[in-house]
Amino acid sequence: MRIGEIVETNSVGFVAESLELHRPPPLGSLVKVEQDGIRTYAVVSYGQTSGLEPGRRAFRRSTAEVHDAAIYDEHPELRRTLRTVFDAVFVGWEDGDRLRQQLPPQPPPLHFSVHNCEMAEVERFSGGLYYLRLLLTATVALPVAHLVIAHVNETYRVLGLDRAWVAAAARELAALLKNDNPTLMAILYAIDPG
């Protein structure tokens, strides 16, 4: 399913504008971009809704009678003057049948479509856990531990509460963070084993 369009791109990730206002993909979800037979995978690391004009803040539009979703009915121009964007960090790429959990050799171009990954794709990609190293070293807008927590919980949910997968992910994170016990414990306590 197409969910956005790339509006900024670089070697470690991209920014995409969501097709629906106020609906970025879930934090930590796996998304993909396809170009010339190459599929690039990324994890959603941030979402934001703001005005189209940089630096110009939205202002309150509610009244005692008109609030929440009714504001958009009362002010339909908001749908054209606001936008929702999301950031995603690269975690792998695929050329044909070979899947690599590393940064892609080139980022996808501007204006290419971003798609949700289906359950089978998430299962195939997350079957190897090497990409967790990329997440742990990513430069993102929120603390990286929160991104890892969101990704593990979202993947666990998409995989139908696969306890074996979440246990393997926890073991991999324990090995990767063996010298950073506070971060490891914060992540492990926040993983939802259902």
N, C-alpha and C. Protein backbone atom coordinates (compact mmCIF):
# COMPACT_ATOMS: atom_id res chain seq x y z
N MET A 1 0.83 -1.18 0.00
CA MET A 1 0.00 0.00 0.00
C MET A 1 0.88 1.25 0.00
N ARG A 2 0.62 2.15 -0.93
CA ARG A 2 1.37 3.41 -1.02
C ARG A 2 0.93 4.33 0.11
N ILE A 3 1.91 4.85 0.87
CA ILE A 3 1.58 5.68 2.04
C ILE A 3 2.21 7.05 2.00
N GLY A 4 3.18 7.29 1.11
CA GLY A 4 3.83 8.59 1.09
C GLY A 4 4.71 8.78 -0.12
N GLU A 5 5.30 9.98 -0.20
CA GLU A 5 6.19 10.34 -1.30
C GLU A 5 7.43 11.00 -0.70
N ILE A 6 8.59 10.58 -1.16
CA ILE A 6 9.86 11.11 -0.64
C ILE A 6 10.01 12.58 -1.02
N VAL A 7 10.27 13.43 -0.01
CA VAL A 7 10.48 14.86 -0.25
C VAL A 7 11.89 15.31 0.13
N GLU A 8 12.64 14.46 0.84
CA GLU A 8 14.06 14.68 1.13
C GLU A 8 14.70 13.30 1.19
N THR A 9 15.94 13.21 0.73
CA THR A 9 16.61 11.92 0.76
C THR A 9 18.10 12.12 0.98
N ASN A 10 18.74 11.17 1.65
CA ASN A 10 20.19 11.22 1.88
C ASN A 10 20.70 9.80 2.05
N SER A 11 21.94 9.64 2.39
CA SER A 11 22.57 8.31 2.45
C SER A 11 22.07 7.42 3.58
N VAL A 12 21.48 8.01 4.62
CA VAL A 12 21.06 7.21 5.76
C VAL A 12 19.56 7.12 5.95
N GLY A 13 18.79 7.87 5.14
CA GLY A 13 17.35 7.82 5.28
C GLY A 13 16.64 8.82 4.40
N PHE A 14 15.37 9.03 4.69
CA PHE A 14 14.58 9.98 3.89
C PHE A 14 13.48 10.60 4.74
N VAL A 15 12.92 11.67 4.21
CA VAL A 15 11.70 12.28 4.74
C VAL A 15 10.65 12.12 3.66
N ALA A 16 9.46 11.68 4.04
CA ALA A 16 8.36 11.51 3.09
C ALA A 16 7.14 12.26 3.58
N GLU A 17 6.38 12.77 2.62
CA GLU A 17 5.10 13.37 2.98
C GLU A 17 4.04 12.29 2.92
N SER A 18 3.27 12.18 3.99
CA SER A 18 2.22 11.18 4.08
C SER A 18 1.09 11.54 3.12
N LEU A 19 0.47 10.53 2.55
CA LEU A 19 -0.66 10.77 1.65
C LEU A 19 -1.90 11.25 2.40
N GLU A 20 -1.98 10.92 3.69
CA GLU A 20 -3.11 11.34 4.51
C GLU A 20 -2.64 12.25 5.62
N LEU A 21 -3.32 13.38 5.78
CA LEU A 21 -3.02 14.30 6.86
C LEU A 21 -3.23 13.60 8.20
N HIS A 22 -2.32 13.80 9.12
CA HIS A 22 -2.36 13.23 10.48
C HIS A 22 -2.20 11.72 10.52
N ARG A 23 -1.72 11.10 9.43
CA ARG A 23 -1.60 9.64 9.41
C ARG A 23 -0.23 9.19 8.92
N PRO A 24 0.81 9.47 9.71
CA PRO A 24 2.09 8.86 9.33
C PRO A 24 2.03 7.37 9.66
N PRO A 25 2.90 6.58 9.06
CA PRO A 25 2.93 5.16 9.45
C PRO A 25 3.36 5.05 10.91
N PRO A 26 3.05 3.93 11.56
CA PRO A 26 3.42 3.78 12.96
C PRO A 26 4.93 3.90 13.19
N LEU A 27 5.28 4.56 14.27
CA LEU A 27 6.68 4.67 14.67
C LEU A 27 7.27 3.27 14.77
N GLY A 28 8.43 3.04 14.16
CA GLY A 28 9.08 1.74 14.22
C GLY A 28 8.68 0.78 13.13
N SER A 29 7.72 1.15 12.28
CA SER A 29 7.27 0.22 11.24
C SER A 29 8.27 0.14 10.09
N LEU A 30 8.26 -0.99 9.41
CA LEU A 30 9.14 -1.23 8.27
C LEU A 30 8.42 -0.78 7.00
N VAL A 31 9.08 0.08 6.22
CA VAL A 31 8.53 0.57 4.97
C VAL A 31 9.53 0.29 3.86
N LYS A 32 9.08 0.48 2.59
CA LYS A 32 9.97 0.17 1.47
C LYS A 32 9.76 1.18 0.35
N VAL A 33 10.82 1.31 -0.47
CA VAL A 33 10.78 2.12 -1.68
C VAL A 33 11.35 1.24 -2.79
N GLU A 34 10.68 1.20 -3.94
CA GLU A 34 11.13 0.37 -5.05
C GLU A 34 11.55 1.24 -6.22
N GLN A 35 12.70 0.87 -6.82
CA GLN A 35 13.22 1.61 -7.97
C GLN A 35 14.09 0.68 -8.80
N ASP A 36 13.75 0.52 -10.07
CA ASP A 36 14.55 -0.26 -11.01
C ASP A 36 14.97 -1.62 -10.47
N GLY A 37 14.04 -2.35 -9.86
CA GLY A 37 14.33 -3.68 -9.36
C GLY A 37 15.04 -3.72 -8.02
N ILE A 38 15.31 -2.56 -7.45
CA ILE A 38 15.94 -2.49 -6.13
C ILE A 38 14.89 -2.06 -5.12
N ARG A 39 14.80 -2.79 -4.03
CA ARG A 39 13.88 -2.47 -2.95
C ARG A 39 14.71 -2.01 -1.76
N THR A 40 14.44 -0.80 -1.28
CA THR A 40 15.15 -0.24 -0.13
C THR A 40 14.21 -0.27 1.07
N TYR A 41 14.71 -0.79 2.20
CA TYR A 41 13.91 -0.90 3.42
C TYR A 41 14.36 0.15 4.43
N ALA A 42 13.38 0.68 5.16
CA ALA A 42 13.67 1.69 6.18
C ALA A 42 12.70 1.51 7.34
N VAL A 43 13.09 2.02 8.50
CA VAL A 43 12.24 1.99 9.69
C VAL A 43 11.80 3.42 9.99
N VAL A 44 10.50 3.62 10.17
CA VAL A 44 9.95 4.94 10.45
C VAL A 44 10.46 5.40 11.82
N SER A 45 11.09 6.59 11.83
CA SER A 45 11.76 7.06 13.04
C SER A 45 11.16 8.34 13.62
N TYR A 46 10.19 8.95 12.94
CA TYR A 46 9.64 10.21 13.43
C TYR A 46 8.45 10.59 12.56
N GLY A 47 7.48 11.27 13.12
CA GLY A 47 6.36 11.79 12.36
C GLY A 47 5.98 13.16 12.87
N GLN A 48 5.48 14.02 11.97
CA GLN A 48 5.14 15.39 12.37
C GLN A 48 4.09 15.96 11.41
N THR A 49 3.13 16.70 11.97
CA THR A 49 2.19 17.46 11.16
C THR A 49 2.41 18.93 11.46
N SER A 50 2.55 19.72 10.40
CA SER A 50 2.79 21.16 10.56
C SER A 50 2.29 21.88 9.32
N GLY A 51 2.43 23.21 9.33
CA GLY A 51 2.02 24.01 8.19
C GLY A 51 2.99 23.87 7.04
N LEU A 52 2.52 24.24 5.85
CA LEU A 52 3.37 24.17 4.66
C LEU A 52 4.48 25.21 4.69
N GLU A 53 4.24 26.33 5.35
CA GLU A 53 5.25 27.39 5.40
C GLU A 53 6.19 27.13 6.57
N PRO A 54 7.49 26.95 6.30
CA PRO A 54 8.44 26.69 7.38
C PRO A 54 8.48 27.85 8.38
N GLY A 55 8.51 27.51 9.64
CA GLY A 55 8.61 28.51 10.69
C GLY A 55 7.29 29.16 11.08
N ARG A 56 6.26 28.93 10.32
CA ARG A 56 4.96 29.51 10.66
C ARG A 56 4.15 28.49 11.43
N ARG A 57 3.83 28.81 12.67
CA ARG A 57 3.10 27.89 13.53
C ARG A 57 1.61 27.94 13.30
N ALA A 58 0.98 26.81 13.51
CA ALA A 58 -0.47 26.77 13.50
C ALA A 58 -0.99 27.51 14.73
N PHE A 59 -2.21 27.99 14.66
CA PHE A 59 -2.81 28.66 15.81
C PHE A 59 -4.16 28.03 16.12
N ARG A 60 -4.64 28.27 17.33
CA ARG A 60 -5.88 27.65 17.80
C ARG A 60 -7.05 28.08 16.94
N ARG A 61 -7.87 27.11 16.58
CA ARG A 61 -9.07 27.37 15.76
C ARG A 61 -10.35 26.96 16.48
N SER A 62 -10.24 26.33 17.63
CA SER A 62 -11.42 25.80 18.30
C SER A 62 -12.23 26.89 18.99
N THR A 63 -13.50 26.59 19.16
CA THR A 63 -14.41 27.42 19.95
C THR A 63 -15.13 26.47 20.89
N ALA A 64 -16.02 26.99 21.69
CA ALA A 64 -16.78 26.14 22.61
C ALA A 64 -17.64 25.13 21.84
N GLU A 65 -18.12 25.53 20.65
CA GLU A 65 -19.00 24.66 19.87
C GLU A 65 -18.24 23.82 18.83
N VAL A 66 -17.12 24.32 18.35
CA VAL A 66 -16.38 23.66 17.27
C VAL A 66 -15.00 23.27 17.80
N HIS A 67 -14.75 21.97 17.82
CA HIS A 67 -13.44 21.49 18.29
C HIS A 67 -13.14 20.12 17.69
N ASP A 68 -11.93 19.69 17.87
CA ASP A 68 -11.43 18.40 17.39
C ASP A 68 -11.70 18.24 15.89
N ALA A 69 -12.26 17.13 15.45
CA ALA A 69 -12.44 16.87 14.01
C ALA A 69 -13.36 17.89 13.35
N ALA A 70 -14.27 18.49 14.10
CA ALA A 70 -15.20 19.48 13.53
C ALA A 70 -14.46 20.71 13.02
N ILE A 71 -13.28 20.98 13.53
CA ILE A 71 -12.49 22.13 13.06
C ILE A 71 -12.20 22.00 11.57
N TYR A 72 -11.93 20.78 11.11
CA TYR A 72 -11.60 20.57 9.69
C TYR A 72 -12.82 20.73 8.78
N ASP A 73 -14.02 20.52 9.34
CA ASP A 73 -15.23 20.79 8.57
C ASP A 73 -15.50 22.29 8.50
N GLU A 74 -15.23 22.97 9.60
CA GLU A 74 -15.43 24.41 9.68
C GLU A 74 -14.38 25.19 8.87
N HIS A 75 -13.17 24.63 8.79
CA HIS A 75 -12.04 25.27 8.08
C HIS A 75 -11.44 24.28 7.07
N PRO A 76 -12.12 24.02 5.96
CA PRO A 76 -11.63 23.02 5.00
C PRO A 76 -10.28 23.37 4.37
N GLU A 77 -9.89 24.64 4.42
CA GLU A 77 -8.59 25.04 3.86
C GLU A 77 -7.42 24.42 4.62
N LEU A 78 -7.66 23.97 5.85
CA LEU A 78 -6.59 23.35 6.63
C LEU A 78 -6.04 22.11 5.93
N ARG A 79 -6.89 21.39 5.23
CA ARG A 79 -6.44 20.18 4.53
C ARG A 79 -5.45 20.51 3.42
N ARG A 80 -5.44 21.77 2.97
CA ARG A 80 -4.52 22.19 1.90
C ARG A 80 -3.32 22.98 2.43
N THR A 81 -3.37 23.40 3.70
CA THR A 81 -2.28 24.22 4.23
C THR A 81 -1.45 23.49 5.28
N LEU A 82 -1.84 22.27 5.60
CA LEU A 82 -1.07 21.46 6.55
C LEU A 82 -0.56 20.21 5.83
N ARG A 83 0.49 19.62 6.40
CA ARG A 83 0.99 18.37 5.85
C ARG A 83 1.59 17.52 6.97
N THR A 84 1.56 16.23 6.75
CA THR A 84 2.16 15.28 7.68
C THR A 84 3.36 14.65 6.99
N VAL A 85 4.50 14.70 7.66
CA VAL A 85 5.72 14.09 7.13
C VAL A 85 6.23 13.06 8.12
N PHE A 86 7.04 12.12 7.61
CA PHE A 86 7.68 11.15 8.49
C PHE A 86 9.10 10.90 8.01
N ASP A 87 9.98 10.67 8.97
CA ASP A 87 11.37 10.31 8.69
C ASP A 87 11.50 8.80 8.76
N ALA A 88 12.43 8.27 7.99
CA ALA A 88 12.72 6.83 8.05
C ALA A 88 14.22 6.64 7.86
N VAL A 89 14.79 5.70 8.60
CA VAL A 89 16.22 5.39 8.50
C VAL A 89 16.39 4.06 7.77
N PHE A 90 17.37 4.01 6.87
CA PHE A 90 17.60 2.80 6.09
C PHE A 90 18.14 1.67 6.96
N VAL A 91 17.63 0.47 6.69
CA VAL A 91 18.11 -0.72 7.41
C VAL A 91 18.47 -1.85 6.46
N GLY A 92 18.25 -1.66 5.16
CA GLY A 92 18.62 -2.72 4.23
C GLY A 92 18.13 -2.45 2.83
N TRP A 93 18.52 -3.34 1.94
CA TRP A 93 18.08 -3.24 0.54
C TRP A 93 18.16 -4.60 -0.11
N GLU A 94 17.46 -4.71 -1.23
CA GLU A 94 17.36 -6.00 -1.91
C GLU A 94 17.47 -5.75 -3.41
N ASP A 95 18.30 -6.55 -4.04
CA ASP A 95 18.47 -6.50 -5.49
C ASP A 95 18.23 -7.91 -5.99
N GLY A 96 17.05 -8.16 -6.57
CA GLY A 96 16.71 -9.53 -6.94
C GLY A 96 16.34 -10.32 -5.71
N ASP A 97 16.97 -11.47 -5.51
CA ASP A 97 16.67 -12.31 -4.36
C ASP A 97 17.63 -12.12 -3.20
N ARG A 98 18.64 -11.30 -3.35
CA ARG A 98 19.63 -11.12 -2.29
C ARG A 98 19.26 -9.95 -1.39
N LEU A 99 19.02 -10.24 -0.12
CA LEU A 99 18.65 -9.25 0.87
C LEU A 99 19.88 -8.89 1.70
N ARG A 100 20.15 -7.59 1.81
CA ARG A 100 21.31 -7.11 2.58
C ARG A 100 20.81 -6.21 3.70
N GLN A 101 21.27 -6.45 4.90
CA GLN A 101 20.90 -5.60 6.03
C GLN A 101 22.05 -4.63 6.28
N GLN A 102 22.09 -3.63 5.42
CA GLN A 102 23.13 -2.59 5.46
C GLN A 102 22.58 -1.38 4.72
N LEU A 103 23.31 -0.27 4.80
CA LEU A 103 22.87 0.92 4.07
C LEU A 103 22.90 0.65 2.57
N PRO A 104 21.93 1.19 1.83
CA PRO A 104 21.93 0.99 0.38
C PRO A 104 23.06 1.78 -0.27
N PRO A 105 23.53 1.35 -1.45
CA PRO A 105 24.62 2.07 -2.11
C PRO A 105 24.20 3.48 -2.53
N GLN A 106 22.92 3.68 -2.82
CA GLN A 106 22.40 5.00 -3.16
C GLN A 106 21.01 5.14 -2.56
N PRO A 107 20.67 6.36 -2.14
CA PRO A 107 19.30 6.54 -1.64
C PRO A 107 18.31 6.58 -2.79
N PRO A 108 17.06 6.25 -2.53
CA PRO A 108 16.05 6.36 -3.58
C PRO A 108 15.85 7.82 -3.97
N PRO A 109 15.39 8.09 -5.19
CA PRO A 109 15.22 9.46 -5.65
C PRO A 109 14.05 10.19 -4.99
N LEU A 110 14.10 11.51 -5.08
CA LEU A 110 12.98 12.34 -4.64
C LEU A 110 11.73 11.98 -5.41
N HIS A 111 10.60 12.14 -4.76
CA HIS A 111 9.27 11.96 -5.34
C HIS A 111 8.91 10.49 -5.63
N PHE A 112 9.75 9.54 -5.19
CA PHE A 112 9.36 8.14 -5.33
C PHE A 112 8.42 7.77 -4.19
N SER A 113 7.60 6.75 -4.43
CA SER A 113 6.58 6.33 -3.48
C SER A 113 7.16 5.49 -2.35
N VAL A 114 6.58 5.67 -1.17
CA VAL A 114 6.90 4.86 0.00
C VAL A 114 5.70 3.95 0.25
N HIS A 115 5.98 2.68 0.52
CA HIS A 115 4.92 1.68 0.72
C HIS A 115 5.09 1.02 2.09
N ASN A 116 3.95 0.62 2.68
CA ASN A 116 4.00 -0.25 3.85
C ASN A 116 4.53 -1.61 3.42
N CYS A 117 5.22 -2.29 4.31
CA CYS A 117 5.62 -3.67 4.05
C CYS A 117 4.52 -4.60 4.55
N GLU A 118 4.24 -5.61 3.77
CA GLU A 118 3.24 -6.61 4.15
C GLU A 118 3.87 -7.56 5.18
N MET A 119 3.02 -8.32 5.83
CA MET A 119 3.49 -9.23 6.88
C MET A 119 4.59 -10.17 6.37
N ALA A 120 4.43 -10.72 5.18
CA ALA A 120 5.43 -11.65 4.65
C ALA A 120 6.77 -10.95 4.45
N GLU A 121 6.75 -9.69 4.02
CA GLU A 121 8.00 -8.94 3.84
C GLU A 121 8.65 -8.64 5.18
N VAL A 122 7.84 -8.26 6.16
CA VAL A 122 8.38 -8.00 7.51
C VAL A 122 8.99 -9.27 8.07
N GLU A 123 8.31 -10.39 7.88
CA GLU A 123 8.80 -11.68 8.36
C GLU A 123 10.13 -12.04 7.70
N ARG A 124 10.20 -11.86 6.40
CA ARG A 124 11.43 -12.18 5.66
C ARG A 124 12.58 -11.25 6.08
N PHE A 125 12.28 -9.95 6.14
CA PHE A 125 13.35 -9.00 6.47
C PHE A 125 13.83 -9.19 7.91
N SER A 126 12.92 -9.31 8.85
CA SER A 126 13.30 -9.38 10.26
C SER A 126 13.77 -10.77 10.68
N GLY A 127 13.79 -11.72 9.75
CA GLY A 127 14.31 -13.05 10.05
C GLY A 127 15.79 -13.01 10.42
N GLY A 128 16.53 -12.09 9.83
CA GLY A 128 17.91 -11.82 10.23
C GLY A 128 17.89 -10.55 11.05
N LEU A 129 18.68 -10.48 12.10
CA LEU A 129 18.59 -9.34 13.02
C LEU A 129 19.81 -8.42 12.96
N TYR A 130 20.63 -8.59 11.93
CA TYR A 130 21.83 -7.75 11.83
C TYR A 130 21.46 -6.27 11.73
N TYR A 131 20.34 -5.95 11.12
CA TYR A 131 19.93 -4.56 10.93
C TYR A 131 19.72 -3.81 12.25
N LEU A 132 19.54 -4.52 13.35
CA LEU A 132 19.38 -3.83 14.64
C LEU A 132 20.60 -2.98 14.97
N ARG A 133 21.78 -3.36 14.45
CA ARG A 133 22.99 -2.56 14.64
C ARG A 133 22.81 -1.18 14.01
N LEU A 134 22.20 -1.15 12.82
CA LEU A 134 21.95 0.12 12.16
C LEU A 134 21.00 0.99 12.98
N LEU A 135 19.97 0.38 13.52
CA LEU A 135 19.02 1.16 14.34
C LEU A 135 19.69 1.73 15.58
N LEU A 136 20.52 0.92 16.22
CA LEU A 136 21.17 1.38 17.46
C LEU A 136 22.16 2.52 17.23
N THR A 137 22.65 2.67 16.02
CA THR A 137 23.61 3.73 15.73
C THR A 137 23.01 4.87 14.90
N ALA A 138 21.70 4.80 14.66
CA ALA A 138 21.05 5.83 13.84
C ALA A 138 21.00 7.16 14.57
N THR A 139 21.09 8.22 13.81
CA THR A 139 20.90 9.57 14.34
C THR A 139 19.46 9.96 14.04
N VAL A 140 18.66 10.04 15.09
CA VAL A 140 17.23 10.29 14.92
C VAL A 140 16.78 11.39 15.88
N ALA A 141 15.57 11.88 15.67
CA ALA A 141 15.04 13.00 16.45
C ALA A 141 14.68 12.63 17.88
N LEU A 142 14.46 11.36 18.16
CA LEU A 142 14.13 10.92 19.50
C LEU A 142 15.25 10.03 20.02
N PRO A 143 15.28 9.73 21.32
CA PRO A 143 16.31 8.81 21.81
C PRO A 143 16.24 7.47 21.07
N VAL A 144 17.39 6.99 20.62
CA VAL A 144 17.42 5.79 19.77
C VAL A 144 16.81 4.58 20.47
N ALA A 145 16.90 4.51 21.79
CA ALA A 145 16.29 3.39 22.52
C ALA A 145 14.78 3.35 22.27
N HIS A 146 14.15 4.52 22.18
CA HIS A 146 12.71 4.57 21.93
C HIS A 146 12.37 4.08 20.52
N LEU A 147 13.25 4.39 19.57
CA LEU A 147 13.05 3.88 18.21
C LEU A 147 13.15 2.36 18.19
N VAL A 148 14.13 1.81 18.87
CA VAL A 148 14.29 0.35 18.91
C VAL A 148 13.08 -0.30 19.59
N ILE A 149 12.63 0.28 20.69
CA ILE A 149 11.44 -0.24 21.38
C ILE A 149 10.24 -0.24 20.44
N ALA A 150 10.02 0.89 19.78
CA ALA A 150 8.88 1.01 18.86
C ALA A 150 8.99 -0.01 17.74
N HIS A 151 10.20 -0.19 17.20
CA HIS A 151 10.36 -1.13 16.10
C HIS A 151 10.11 -2.58 16.55
N VAL A 152 10.67 -2.96 17.67
CA VAL A 152 10.47 -4.34 18.15
C VAL A 152 9.00 -4.59 18.45
N ASN A 153 8.34 -3.64 19.11
CA ASN A 153 6.92 -3.82 19.42
C ASN A 153 6.06 -3.85 18.16
N GLU A 154 6.35 -2.98 17.20
CA GLU A 154 5.56 -2.95 15.96
C GLU A 154 5.79 -4.22 15.14
N THR A 155 7.02 -4.68 15.05
CA THR A 155 7.31 -5.91 14.30
C THR A 155 6.66 -7.10 14.98
N TYR A 156 6.74 -7.16 16.29
CA TYR A 156 6.09 -8.22 17.06
C TYR A 156 4.59 -8.24 16.77
N ARG A 157 3.96 -7.07 16.72
CA ARG A 157 2.53 -6.97 16.43
C ARG A 157 2.23 -7.45 15.01
N VAL A 158 3.01 -6.97 14.03
CA VAL A 158 2.79 -7.34 12.62
C VAL A 158 2.98 -8.84 12.42
N LEU A 159 3.92 -9.42 13.13
CA LEU A 159 4.19 -10.86 13.00
C LEU A 159 3.21 -11.72 13.79
N GLY A 160 2.13 -11.12 14.26
CA GLY A 160 1.10 -11.90 14.95
C GLY A 160 1.52 -12.35 16.33
N LEU A 161 2.26 -11.50 17.04
CA LEU A 161 2.73 -11.79 18.40
C LEU A 161 3.62 -13.04 18.44
N ASP A 162 4.58 -13.05 17.56
CA ASP A 162 5.53 -14.16 17.43
C ASP A 162 6.54 -14.10 18.58
N ARG A 163 6.30 -14.91 19.61
CA ARG A 163 7.15 -14.90 20.81
C ARG A 163 8.58 -15.34 20.50
N ALA A 164 8.75 -16.26 19.57
CA ALA A 164 10.10 -16.72 19.22
C ALA A 164 10.89 -15.57 18.60
N TRP A 165 10.24 -14.76 17.75
CA TRP A 165 10.94 -13.63 17.13
C TRP A 165 11.32 -12.60 18.18
N VAL A 166 10.39 -12.25 19.06
CA VAL A 166 10.70 -11.21 20.05
C VAL A 166 11.79 -11.69 21.01
N ALA A 167 11.83 -12.98 21.32
CA ALA A 167 12.89 -13.52 22.18
C ALA A 167 14.25 -13.45 21.47
N ALA A 168 14.27 -13.76 20.17
CA ALA A 168 15.52 -13.67 19.39
C ALA A 168 15.98 -12.22 19.31
N ALA A 169 15.05 -11.29 19.12
CA ALA A 169 15.42 -9.87 19.06
C ALA A 169 15.98 -9.41 20.40
N ALA A 170 15.39 -9.86 21.49
CA ALA A 170 15.89 -9.49 22.83
C ALA A 170 17.29 -10.04 23.04
N ARG A 171 17.54 -11.27 22.61
CA ARG A 171 18.90 -11.85 22.75
C ARG A 171 19.92 -11.06 21.91
N GLU A 172 19.52 -10.69 20.69
CA GLU A 172 20.42 -9.91 19.82
C GLU A 172 20.72 -8.56 20.45
N LEU A 173 19.71 -7.90 20.98
CA LEU A 173 19.93 -6.60 21.61
C LEU A 173 20.80 -6.74 22.86
N ALA A 174 20.62 -7.82 23.60
CA ALA A 174 21.46 -8.05 24.79
C ALA A 174 22.92 -8.20 24.39
N ALA A 175 23.18 -8.88 23.29
CA ALA A 175 24.56 -9.03 22.82
C ALA A 175 25.12 -7.69 22.33
N LEU A 176 24.32 -6.92 21.62
CA LEU A 176 24.78 -5.65 21.08
C LEU A 176 24.98 -4.59 22.16
N LEU A 177 24.19 -4.67 23.22
CA LEU A 177 24.26 -3.66 24.28
C LEU A 177 24.88 -4.20 25.56
N LYS A 178 25.73 -5.21 25.43
CA LYS A 178 26.30 -5.83 26.63
C LYS A 178 27.11 -4.85 27.48
N ASN A 179 27.61 -3.78 26.86
CA ASN A 179 28.38 -2.77 27.60
C ASN A 179 27.56 -1.53 27.94
N ASP A 180 26.27 -1.58 27.70
CA ASP A 180 25.38 -0.45 27.99
C ASP A 180 24.12 -0.98 28.68
N ASN A 181 24.30 -1.43 29.91
CA ASN A 181 23.21 -2.06 30.65
C ASN A 181 22.00 -1.15 30.86
N PRO A 182 22.17 0.14 31.17
CA PRO A 182 20.98 0.99 31.35
C PRO A 182 20.09 1.06 30.09
N THR A 183 20.70 1.20 28.92
CA THR A 183 19.92 1.24 27.68
C THR A 183 19.27 -0.11 27.41
N LEU A 184 20.03 -1.17 27.60
CA LEU A 184 19.49 -2.51 27.38
C LEU A 184 18.28 -2.76 28.28
N MET A 185 18.39 -2.44 29.55
CA MET A 185 17.29 -2.69 30.47
C MET A 185 16.07 -1.83 30.13
N ALA A 186 16.31 -0.58 29.72
CA ALA A 186 15.20 0.29 29.32
C ALA A 186 14.45 -0.31 28.13
N ILE A 187 15.20 -0.85 27.18
CA ILE A 187 14.57 -1.48 26.00
C ILE A 187 13.84 -2.75 26.39
N LEU A 188 14.50 -3.63 27.13
CA LEU A 188 13.90 -4.92 27.47
C LEU A 188 12.63 -4.76 28.31
N TYR A 189 12.62 -3.79 29.24
CA TYR A 189 11.43 -3.59 30.06
C TYR A 189 10.26 -3.03 29.24
N ALA A 190 10.57 -2.33 28.14
CA ALA A 190 9.51 -1.71 27.34
C ALA A 190 9.01 -2.59 26.20
N ILE A 191 9.72 -3.68 25.91
CA ILE A 191 9.23 -4.61 24.88
C ILE A 191 7.99 -5.30 25.40
N ASP A 192 6.95 -5.31 24.59
CA ASP A 192 5.67 -5.87 24.99
C ASP A 192 5.56 -7.33 24.54
N PRO A 193 5.80 -8.27 25.45
CA PRO A 193 5.73 -9.69 25.04
C PRO A 193 4.29 -10.21 24.98
N GLY A 194 3.31 -9.34 25.05
CA GLY A 194 1.91 -9.72 24.86
C GLY A 194 1.42 -10.66 25.90
